[in-house]
Amino acid sequence: MANLDESADLVITHQDLTERARLQSPNAIHVSVENFMNSPKYDEIVMMMIQSEGVR
C-alpha cells in the first residue's frame, strides 16, 4: 500500500484496506475482495478489461 499512488488505473485490495487505497489512488477503479485466492471478482475484472479495451 505504501507504493500506491495516483498513477494506478485498477487497484485490487482486501475489503478491509479498500478505503485506505481509495485515499491514495482516488481516480482508480477499486475492487474489494474477501479472499485473494478464491474470489469471483477476478472473473468480473477480466470481463471488464475485455469489454473496455478489447483485451484477448
N, C-alpha and C. Protein backbone atom coordinates (compact mmCIF):
# COMPACT_ATOMS: atom_id res chain seq x y z
N MET A 1 0.82 -1.19 0.00
CA MET A 1 0.00 0.00 0.00
C MET A 1 0.87 1.25 0.00
N ALA A 2 2.06 1.17 0.54
CA ALA A 2 2.94 2.34 0.61
C ALA A 2 3.34 2.86 -0.76
N ASN A 3 3.38 1.98 -1.76
CA ASN A 3 3.80 2.38 -3.10
C ASN A 3 2.64 2.80 -3.99
N LEU A 4 1.44 2.75 -3.49
CA LEU A 4 0.26 3.10 -4.28
C LEU A 4 0.20 4.62 -4.44
N ASP A 5 -0.04 5.05 -5.68
CA ASP A 5 -0.16 6.48 -5.92
C ASP A 5 -1.26 6.74 -6.95
N GLU A 6 -1.36 7.95 -7.41
CA GLU A 6 -2.44 8.34 -8.31
C GLU A 6 -2.28 7.82 -9.73
N SER A 7 -1.18 7.15 -10.03
CA SER A 7 -0.98 6.65 -11.39
C SER A 7 -1.69 5.31 -11.65
N ALA A 8 -2.21 4.68 -10.62
CA ALA A 8 -2.87 3.38 -10.78
C ALA A 8 -4.21 3.54 -11.49
N ASP A 9 -4.49 2.58 -12.38
CA ASP A 9 -5.78 2.56 -13.08
C ASP A 9 -6.75 1.61 -12.39
N LEU A 10 -6.21 0.51 -11.86
CA LEU A 10 -7.02 -0.52 -11.22
C LEU A 10 -6.31 -0.97 -9.95
N VAL A 11 -7.05 -1.00 -8.84
CA VAL A 11 -6.49 -1.41 -7.56
C VAL A 11 -7.37 -2.51 -6.98
N ILE A 12 -6.75 -3.65 -6.67
CA ILE A 12 -7.45 -4.77 -6.05
C ILE A 12 -6.91 -4.89 -4.63
N THR A 13 -7.80 -4.79 -3.66
CA THR A 13 -7.39 -4.86 -2.26
C THR A 13 -8.33 -5.75 -1.46
N HIS A 14 -7.84 -6.18 -0.32
CA HIS A 14 -8.72 -6.84 0.63
C HIS A 14 -9.74 -5.81 1.08
N GLN A 15 -10.93 -6.26 1.33
CA GLN A 15 -12.03 -5.34 1.67
C GLN A 15 -11.71 -4.43 2.86
N ASP A 16 -10.86 -4.86 3.76
CA ASP A 16 -10.52 -4.04 4.92
C ASP A 16 -9.57 -2.89 4.57
N LEU A 17 -8.96 -2.93 3.39
CA LEU A 17 -7.99 -1.91 3.01
C LEU A 17 -8.46 -1.01 1.87
N THR A 18 -9.66 -1.24 1.38
CA THR A 18 -10.14 -0.50 0.21
C THR A 18 -10.25 0.99 0.46
N GLU A 19 -10.78 1.40 1.55
CA GLU A 19 -10.94 2.84 1.83
C GLU A 19 -9.58 3.53 1.88
N ARG A 20 -8.61 2.89 2.48
CA ARG A 20 -7.26 3.45 2.55
C ARG A 20 -6.67 3.58 1.14
N ALA A 21 -6.89 2.56 0.32
CA ALA A 21 -6.39 2.60 -1.06
C ALA A 21 -7.07 3.71 -1.85
N ARG A 22 -8.34 3.92 -1.63
CA ARG A 22 -9.07 4.98 -2.35
C ARG A 22 -8.50 6.36 -2.04
N LEU A 23 -8.04 6.54 -0.82
CA LEU A 23 -7.45 7.83 -0.44
C LEU A 23 -6.14 8.06 -1.18
N GLN A 24 -5.38 7.01 -1.41
CA GLN A 24 -4.08 7.13 -2.07
C GLN A 24 -4.19 7.15 -3.59
N SER A 25 -5.24 6.56 -4.12
CA SER A 25 -5.42 6.49 -5.57
C SER A 25 -6.90 6.73 -5.90
N PRO A 26 -7.35 7.96 -5.75
CA PRO A 26 -8.78 8.25 -5.87
C PRO A 26 -9.38 8.09 -7.26
N ASN A 27 -8.58 8.16 -8.30
CA ASN A 27 -9.11 8.08 -9.65
C ASN A 27 -9.13 6.68 -10.23
N ALA A 28 -8.60 5.71 -9.50
CA ALA A 28 -8.55 4.34 -9.98
C ALA A 28 -9.88 3.63 -9.79
N ILE A 29 -10.05 2.55 -10.52
CA ILE A 29 -11.17 1.65 -10.28
C ILE A 29 -10.73 0.76 -9.12
N HIS A 30 -11.56 0.66 -8.10
CA HIS A 30 -11.21 -0.13 -6.92
C HIS A 30 -12.11 -1.36 -6.83
N VAL A 31 -11.48 -2.50 -6.63
CA VAL A 31 -12.19 -3.76 -6.48
C VAL A 31 -11.79 -4.34 -5.13
N SER A 32 -12.78 -4.63 -4.31
CA SER A 32 -12.53 -5.22 -2.99
C SER A 32 -12.82 -6.71 -3.03
N VAL A 33 -11.94 -7.48 -2.42
CA VAL A 33 -12.16 -8.92 -2.33
C VAL A 33 -12.08 -9.36 -0.88
N GLU A 34 -12.79 -10.42 -0.57
CA GLU A 34 -12.73 -11.02 0.77
C GLU A 34 -11.58 -11.99 0.87
N ASN A 35 -11.37 -12.72 -0.22
CA ASN A 35 -10.38 -13.79 -0.22
C ASN A 35 -9.57 -13.67 -1.52
N PHE A 36 -8.28 -13.39 -1.40
CA PHE A 36 -7.46 -13.22 -2.59
C PHE A 36 -7.35 -14.49 -3.43
N MET A 37 -7.41 -15.62 -2.81
CA MET A 37 -7.20 -16.88 -3.52
C MET A 37 -8.45 -17.41 -4.23
N ASN A 38 -9.61 -17.05 -3.75
CA ASN A 38 -10.83 -17.64 -4.30
C ASN A 38 -11.93 -16.57 -4.36
N SER A 39 -11.79 -15.68 -5.33
CA SER A 39 -12.78 -14.62 -5.43
C SER A 39 -13.38 -14.58 -6.84
N PRO A 40 -14.70 -14.52 -6.93
CA PRO A 40 -15.33 -14.38 -8.24
C PRO A 40 -15.08 -13.01 -8.87
N LYS A 41 -14.57 -12.08 -8.09
CA LYS A 41 -14.28 -10.74 -8.60
C LYS A 41 -13.26 -10.77 -9.73
N TYR A 42 -12.34 -11.73 -9.71
CA TYR A 42 -11.32 -11.81 -10.75
C TYR A 42 -11.95 -12.02 -12.13
N ASP A 43 -12.97 -12.86 -12.20
CA ASP A 43 -13.66 -13.06 -13.47
C ASP A 43 -14.33 -11.77 -13.93
N GLU A 44 -14.88 -11.03 -12.99
CA GLU A 44 -15.51 -9.75 -13.32
C GLU A 44 -14.48 -8.76 -13.85
N ILE A 45 -13.30 -8.76 -13.25
CA ILE A 45 -12.24 -7.85 -13.69
C ILE A 45 -11.80 -8.19 -15.11
N VAL A 46 -11.62 -9.46 -15.39
CA VAL A 46 -11.21 -9.88 -16.74
C VAL A 46 -12.26 -9.46 -17.75
N MET A 47 -13.51 -9.69 -17.46
CA MET A 47 -14.59 -9.31 -18.38
C MET A 47 -14.62 -7.79 -18.58
N MET A 48 -14.43 -7.04 -17.52
CA MET A 48 -14.42 -5.58 -17.60
C MET A 48 -13.28 -5.12 -18.51
N MET A 49 -12.12 -5.73 -18.38
CA MET A 49 -10.98 -5.35 -19.22
C MET A 49 -11.21 -5.72 -20.68
N ILE A 50 -11.78 -6.87 -20.91
CA ILE A 50 -12.07 -7.29 -22.28
C ILE A 50 -13.06 -6.32 -22.94
N GLN A 51 -14.07 -5.94 -22.21
CA GLN A 51 -15.09 -5.05 -22.76
C GLN A 51 -14.56 -3.64 -22.96
N SER A 52 -13.71 -3.16 -22.07
CA SER A 52 -13.28 -1.76 -22.16
C SER A 52 -12.10 -1.54 -23.10
N GLU A 53 -11.25 -2.55 -23.28
CA GLU A 53 -10.06 -2.34 -24.08
C GLU A 53 -9.86 -3.36 -25.19
N GLY A 54 -10.75 -4.28 -25.32
CA GLY A 54 -10.60 -5.29 -26.35
C GLY A 54 -9.47 -6.26 -26.09
N VAL A 55 -9.10 -6.46 -24.83
CA VAL A 55 -8.03 -7.39 -24.46
C VAL A 55 -8.49 -8.80 -24.72
N ARG A 56 -7.61 -9.64 -25.29
CA ARG A 56 -7.97 -11.04 -25.57
C ARG A 56 -7.00 -11.97 -24.93
